[in-house]
N, C-alpha and C. Protein backbone atom coordinates (compact mmCIF):
# COMPACT_ATOMS: atom_id res chain seq x y z
N MET A 1 -340.54 54.21 180.14
CA MET A 1 -341.87 54.73 179.95
C MET A 1 -342.09 55.02 178.47
N THR A 2 -343.34 55.01 178.07
CA THR A 2 -343.67 55.32 176.69
C THR A 2 -343.52 56.82 176.45
N ASN A 3 -343.44 57.20 175.15
CA ASN A 3 -343.32 58.62 174.81
C ASN A 3 -344.55 59.40 175.23
N LYS A 4 -345.71 58.79 175.12
CA LYS A 4 -346.94 59.45 175.55
C LYS A 4 -347.63 58.57 176.58
N PRO A 5 -348.30 59.18 177.54
CA PRO A 5 -348.96 58.37 178.58
C PRO A 5 -350.11 57.55 178.01
N ILE A 6 -350.37 56.44 178.64
CA ILE A 6 -351.50 55.60 178.25
C ILE A 6 -352.77 56.26 178.76
N ASP A 7 -353.77 56.35 177.91
CA ASP A 7 -355.03 57.00 178.25
C ASP A 7 -355.99 55.97 178.84
N TRP A 8 -356.12 55.97 180.18
CA TRP A 8 -356.98 55.02 180.88
C TRP A 8 -358.39 55.56 180.96
N THR A 9 -359.37 54.69 180.69
CA THR A 9 -360.78 55.06 180.75
C THR A 9 -361.48 54.22 181.82
N PRO A 10 -362.14 54.85 182.78
CA PRO A 10 -362.88 54.07 183.78
C PRO A 10 -364.12 53.43 183.16
N ASP A 11 -364.45 52.24 183.60
CA ASP A 11 -365.65 51.55 183.13
C ASP A 11 -366.83 52.07 183.95
N LEU A 12 -367.63 52.93 183.35
CA LEU A 12 -368.74 53.56 184.06
C LEU A 12 -369.96 52.65 184.20
N SER A 13 -369.92 51.47 183.58
CA SER A 13 -371.03 50.53 183.74
C SER A 13 -370.94 49.81 185.09
N TRP A 14 -369.78 49.87 185.74
CA TRP A 14 -369.62 49.28 187.07
C TRP A 14 -370.07 50.30 188.09
N PRO A 15 -370.63 49.88 189.22
CA PRO A 15 -371.01 50.83 190.27
C PRO A 15 -369.75 51.54 190.78
N THR A 16 -369.89 52.81 191.10
CA THR A 16 -368.73 53.55 191.57
C THR A 16 -368.99 54.11 192.97
N SER A 17 -368.04 53.87 193.83
CA SER A 17 -368.02 54.47 195.17
C SER A 17 -366.64 54.19 195.74
N LYS A 18 -366.38 54.68 196.91
CA LYS A 18 -365.08 54.46 197.54
C LYS A 18 -364.91 53.03 198.04
N SER A 19 -365.99 52.26 198.05
CA SER A 19 -365.91 50.90 198.61
C SER A 19 -366.12 49.81 197.56
N THR A 20 -365.98 50.14 196.27
CA THR A 20 -366.17 49.12 195.24
C THR A 20 -364.91 49.00 194.39
N VAL A 21 -364.81 47.88 193.70
CA VAL A 21 -363.72 47.65 192.75
C VAL A 21 -363.92 48.55 191.55
N GLN A 22 -362.83 49.17 191.09
CA GLN A 22 -362.88 50.04 189.91
C GLN A 22 -362.17 49.32 188.76
N HIS A 23 -362.71 49.50 187.55
CA HIS A 23 -362.18 48.83 186.36
C HIS A 23 -361.80 49.90 185.35
N PHE A 24 -360.55 49.84 184.85
CA PHE A 24 -360.05 50.80 183.88
C PHE A 24 -359.53 50.05 182.66
N THR A 25 -359.74 50.60 181.47
CA THR A 25 -359.25 49.99 180.24
C THR A 25 -358.48 51.02 179.41
N ALA A 26 -357.60 50.50 178.55
CA ALA A 26 -356.85 51.35 177.64
C ALA A 26 -356.39 50.50 176.46
N ASN A 27 -356.13 51.14 175.35
CA ASN A 27 -355.54 50.50 174.19
C ASN A 27 -354.23 51.20 173.89
N ALA A 28 -353.15 50.42 173.77
CA ALA A 28 -351.83 51.00 173.49
C ALA A 28 -351.00 49.98 172.73
N GLY A 29 -350.39 50.42 171.67
CA GLY A 29 -349.50 49.53 170.91
C GLY A 29 -350.17 48.27 170.42
N GLY A 30 -351.46 48.32 170.12
CA GLY A 30 -352.18 47.14 169.66
C GLY A 30 -352.61 46.20 170.76
N ASP A 31 -352.37 46.58 172.01
CA ASP A 31 -352.74 45.75 173.16
C ASP A 31 -353.95 46.35 173.87
N ARG A 32 -354.76 45.47 174.47
CA ARG A 32 -355.86 45.92 175.33
C ARG A 32 -355.38 45.72 176.77
N LEU A 33 -355.30 46.82 177.49
CA LEU A 33 -354.83 46.80 178.87
C LEU A 33 -355.99 47.04 179.81
N GLU A 34 -355.98 46.36 180.96
CA GLU A 34 -357.03 46.51 181.97
C GLU A 34 -356.39 46.56 183.35
N ILE A 35 -356.88 47.46 184.17
CA ILE A 35 -356.48 47.52 185.57
C ILE A 35 -357.74 47.47 186.42
N ASP A 36 -357.77 46.56 187.38
CA ASP A 36 -358.84 46.48 188.37
C ASP A 36 -358.24 46.82 189.72
N THR A 37 -358.83 47.79 190.42
CA THR A 37 -358.32 48.18 191.73
C THR A 37 -359.40 48.01 192.79
N ALA A 38 -358.99 47.56 193.95
CA ALA A 38 -359.90 47.43 195.09
C ALA A 38 -359.52 48.50 196.11
N PRO A 39 -360.49 48.98 196.89
CA PRO A 39 -360.21 50.06 197.83
C PRO A 39 -359.19 49.71 198.91
N TRP A 40 -358.99 48.44 199.20
CA TRP A 40 -358.05 48.03 200.24
C TRP A 40 -356.62 47.90 199.70
N GLY A 41 -356.36 48.30 198.43
CA GLY A 41 -355.00 48.33 197.91
C GLY A 41 -354.59 47.14 197.08
N GLU A 42 -355.53 46.31 196.72
CA GLU A 42 -355.23 45.18 195.85
C GLU A 42 -355.57 45.57 194.42
N ALA A 43 -354.74 45.13 193.44
CA ALA A 43 -354.99 45.50 192.05
C ALA A 43 -354.36 44.48 191.11
N ASP A 44 -354.90 44.43 189.88
CA ASP A 44 -354.41 43.52 188.84
C ASP A 44 -354.24 44.28 187.54
N LEU A 45 -353.18 43.94 186.80
CA LEU A 45 -352.95 44.46 185.45
C LEU A 45 -353.04 43.29 184.49
N THR A 46 -353.88 43.44 183.47
CA THR A 46 -354.06 42.41 182.45
C THR A 46 -353.77 43.01 181.09
N VAL A 47 -353.01 42.30 180.27
CA VAL A 47 -352.73 42.72 178.89
C VAL A 47 -353.23 41.63 177.97
N ASN A 48 -354.18 41.97 177.12
CA ASN A 48 -354.78 41.01 176.18
C ASN A 48 -355.29 39.76 176.88
N GLY A 49 -355.88 39.94 178.05
CA GLY A 49 -356.47 38.82 178.79
C GLY A 49 -355.48 38.04 179.63
N GLN A 50 -354.20 38.38 179.57
CA GLN A 50 -353.17 37.67 180.34
C GLN A 50 -352.74 38.52 181.52
N SER A 51 -352.78 37.94 182.71
CA SER A 51 -352.37 38.66 183.91
C SER A 51 -350.87 38.95 183.85
N ILE A 52 -350.52 40.22 184.03
CA ILE A 52 -349.12 40.65 183.96
C ILE A 52 -348.59 40.97 185.36
N ALA A 53 -349.42 41.62 186.18
CA ALA A 53 -348.95 42.00 187.52
C ALA A 53 -350.12 42.01 188.49
N HIS A 54 -349.81 41.73 189.75
CA HIS A 54 -350.80 41.75 190.82
C HIS A 54 -350.17 42.45 192.02
N ILE A 55 -350.89 43.37 192.62
CA ILE A 55 -350.45 44.03 193.84
C ILE A 55 -351.41 43.62 194.94
N GLN A 56 -350.83 43.20 196.05
CA GLN A 56 -351.66 42.68 197.12
C GLN A 56 -351.80 43.65 198.29
N ALA A 57 -350.80 44.50 198.53
CA ALA A 57 -350.83 45.29 199.76
C ALA A 57 -350.36 46.73 199.57
N ALA A 58 -350.95 47.44 198.63
CA ALA A 58 -350.62 48.86 198.47
C ALA A 58 -351.34 49.67 199.55
N PRO A 59 -350.83 50.84 199.87
CA PRO A 59 -351.49 51.67 200.89
C PRO A 59 -352.90 52.10 200.50
N SER A 60 -353.18 52.21 199.20
CA SER A 60 -354.51 52.63 198.74
C SER A 60 -354.72 52.15 197.31
N ALA A 61 -355.96 52.25 196.85
CA ALA A 61 -356.27 51.88 195.46
C ALA A 61 -355.55 52.81 194.49
N GLY A 62 -355.43 54.08 194.85
CA GLY A 62 -354.74 55.03 193.99
C GLY A 62 -353.27 54.69 193.82
N GLU A 63 -352.60 54.33 194.92
CA GLU A 63 -351.19 53.93 194.84
C GLU A 63 -351.03 52.66 194.00
N ALA A 64 -351.93 51.71 194.19
CA ALA A 64 -351.88 50.47 193.41
C ALA A 64 -352.06 50.78 191.92
N PHE A 65 -353.01 51.65 191.60
CA PHE A 65 -353.25 52.02 190.20
C PHE A 65 -352.01 52.68 189.60
N ARG A 66 -351.41 53.64 190.31
CA ARG A 66 -350.25 54.34 189.78
C ARG A 66 -349.07 53.39 189.55
N THR A 67 -348.88 52.43 190.44
CA THR A 67 -347.79 51.47 190.26
C THR A 67 -348.04 50.60 189.04
N LEU A 68 -349.28 50.09 188.89
CA LEU A 68 -349.59 49.26 187.73
C LEU A 68 -349.55 50.07 186.44
N GLU A 69 -349.93 51.34 186.52
CA GLU A 69 -349.85 52.21 185.35
C GLU A 69 -348.40 52.34 184.89
N ALA A 70 -347.47 52.51 185.83
CA ALA A 70 -346.05 52.60 185.50
C ALA A 70 -345.54 51.29 184.90
N ILE A 71 -346.00 50.17 185.45
CA ILE A 71 -345.60 48.86 184.92
C ILE A 71 -346.13 48.69 183.49
N ALA A 72 -347.37 49.12 183.25
CA ALA A 72 -347.95 49.03 181.90
C ALA A 72 -347.17 49.90 180.92
N GLU A 73 -346.79 51.11 181.34
CA GLU A 73 -346.01 51.98 180.47
C GLU A 73 -344.64 51.39 180.17
N ASP A 74 -344.00 50.80 181.19
CA ASP A 74 -342.72 50.13 180.97
C ASP A 74 -342.88 48.95 180.02
N PHE A 75 -343.95 48.20 180.18
CA PHE A 75 -344.22 47.04 179.32
C PHE A 75 -344.37 47.49 177.87
N GLU A 76 -345.16 48.53 177.64
CA GLU A 76 -345.38 49.03 176.29
C GLU A 76 -344.11 49.65 175.71
N ALA A 77 -343.34 50.37 176.53
CA ALA A 77 -342.09 50.96 176.07
C ALA A 77 -341.10 49.87 175.67
N GLY A 78 -341.06 48.78 176.43
CA GLY A 78 -340.20 47.66 176.10
C GLY A 78 -340.58 47.02 174.78
N LYS A 79 -341.88 46.95 174.51
CA LYS A 79 -342.36 46.41 173.23
C LYS A 79 -341.95 47.30 172.08
N GLU A 80 -342.11 48.62 172.27
CA GLU A 80 -341.80 49.57 171.21
C GLU A 80 -340.33 49.53 170.84
N SER A 81 -339.46 49.30 171.81
CA SER A 81 -338.03 49.29 171.53
C SER A 81 -337.55 47.90 171.10
N GLY A 82 -338.47 46.96 170.94
CA GLY A 82 -338.11 45.63 170.49
C GLY A 82 -337.62 44.72 171.61
N LYS A 83 -337.79 45.13 172.84
CA LYS A 83 -337.36 44.32 173.98
C LYS A 83 -338.58 43.74 174.66
N ASP A 84 -338.98 42.57 174.31
CA ASP A 84 -340.14 41.92 174.94
C ASP A 84 -339.70 41.08 176.13
N ALA A 85 -338.64 41.49 176.80
CA ALA A 85 -338.06 40.68 177.87
C ALA A 85 -339.03 40.48 179.03
N ARG A 86 -339.89 41.47 179.31
CA ARG A 86 -340.78 41.34 180.46
C ARG A 86 -342.01 40.51 180.16
N GLN A 87 -342.34 40.31 178.90
CA GLN A 87 -343.54 39.55 178.57
C GLN A 87 -343.35 38.10 179.02
N GLY A 88 -344.35 37.57 179.68
CA GLY A 88 -344.29 36.20 180.16
C GLY A 88 -343.47 36.06 181.44
N GLN A 89 -343.01 37.16 181.99
CA GLN A 89 -342.20 37.14 183.19
C GLN A 89 -343.05 37.62 184.37
N ALA A 90 -343.12 36.85 185.40
CA ALA A 90 -343.92 37.23 186.57
C ALA A 90 -343.23 38.36 187.31
N ILE A 91 -344.00 39.29 187.78
CA ILE A 91 -343.46 40.38 188.58
C ILE A 91 -343.67 40.01 190.04
N GLU A 92 -342.57 39.87 190.74
CA GLU A 92 -342.63 39.41 192.12
C GLU A 92 -343.22 40.49 193.02
N ASP A 93 -343.90 40.06 194.04
CA ASP A 93 -344.49 41.01 195.00
C ASP A 93 -343.42 41.89 195.62
N ASP A 94 -342.22 41.36 195.88
CA ASP A 94 -341.16 42.16 196.49
C ASP A 94 -340.78 43.33 195.59
N GLU A 95 -340.74 43.10 194.28
CA GLU A 95 -340.42 44.18 193.35
C GLU A 95 -341.49 45.27 193.39
N VAL A 96 -342.73 44.87 193.42
CA VAL A 96 -343.83 45.83 193.47
C VAL A 96 -343.80 46.57 194.80
N ARG A 97 -343.55 45.85 195.88
CA ARG A 97 -343.47 46.48 197.20
C ARG A 97 -342.34 47.53 197.21
N GLN A 98 -341.22 47.22 196.58
CA GLN A 98 -340.11 48.17 196.53
C GLN A 98 -340.50 49.41 195.75
N ARG A 99 -341.24 49.24 194.63
CA ARG A 99 -341.68 50.39 193.85
C ARG A 99 -342.64 51.28 194.64
N LEU A 100 -343.39 50.67 195.55
CA LEU A 100 -344.31 51.43 196.39
C LEU A 100 -343.61 52.04 197.61
N GLY A 101 -342.33 51.69 197.80
CA GLY A 101 -341.61 52.20 198.96
C GLY A 101 -341.92 51.43 200.22
N LEU A 102 -342.46 50.23 200.07
CA LEU A 102 -342.77 49.39 201.23
C LEU A 102 -341.62 48.44 201.50
N PRO A 103 -341.46 47.97 202.73
CA PRO A 103 -340.37 47.03 203.01
C PRO A 103 -340.61 45.69 202.32
N ARG A 104 -339.51 45.05 201.96
CA ARG A 104 -339.61 43.70 201.38
C ARG A 104 -339.98 42.72 202.47
N ARG A 105 -340.65 41.66 202.08
CA ARG A 105 -341.07 40.66 203.07
C ARG A 105 -339.95 39.73 203.41
């Protein structure tokens, strides 16, 4: 994880309710990060326009957001320490499911 948490800002130009997709942005380490969450537990993490992670079956949008937030912090922490090992590496659904405490498929 990074030394300080990433400050996520919701995009208030999008309609907000419990049944709509939510869009969050942040800037960290010179990167533009975006998380889009759907109420049914699907979410995407994008860094500088490149998809880094996708969650398909989280229990809720909040759980999906927290998991992607942790992945984003790990990604940025890896960059800061000079370890870009995760960049360009797909994150498998099984790994994300394990982080959520869900059974592997």
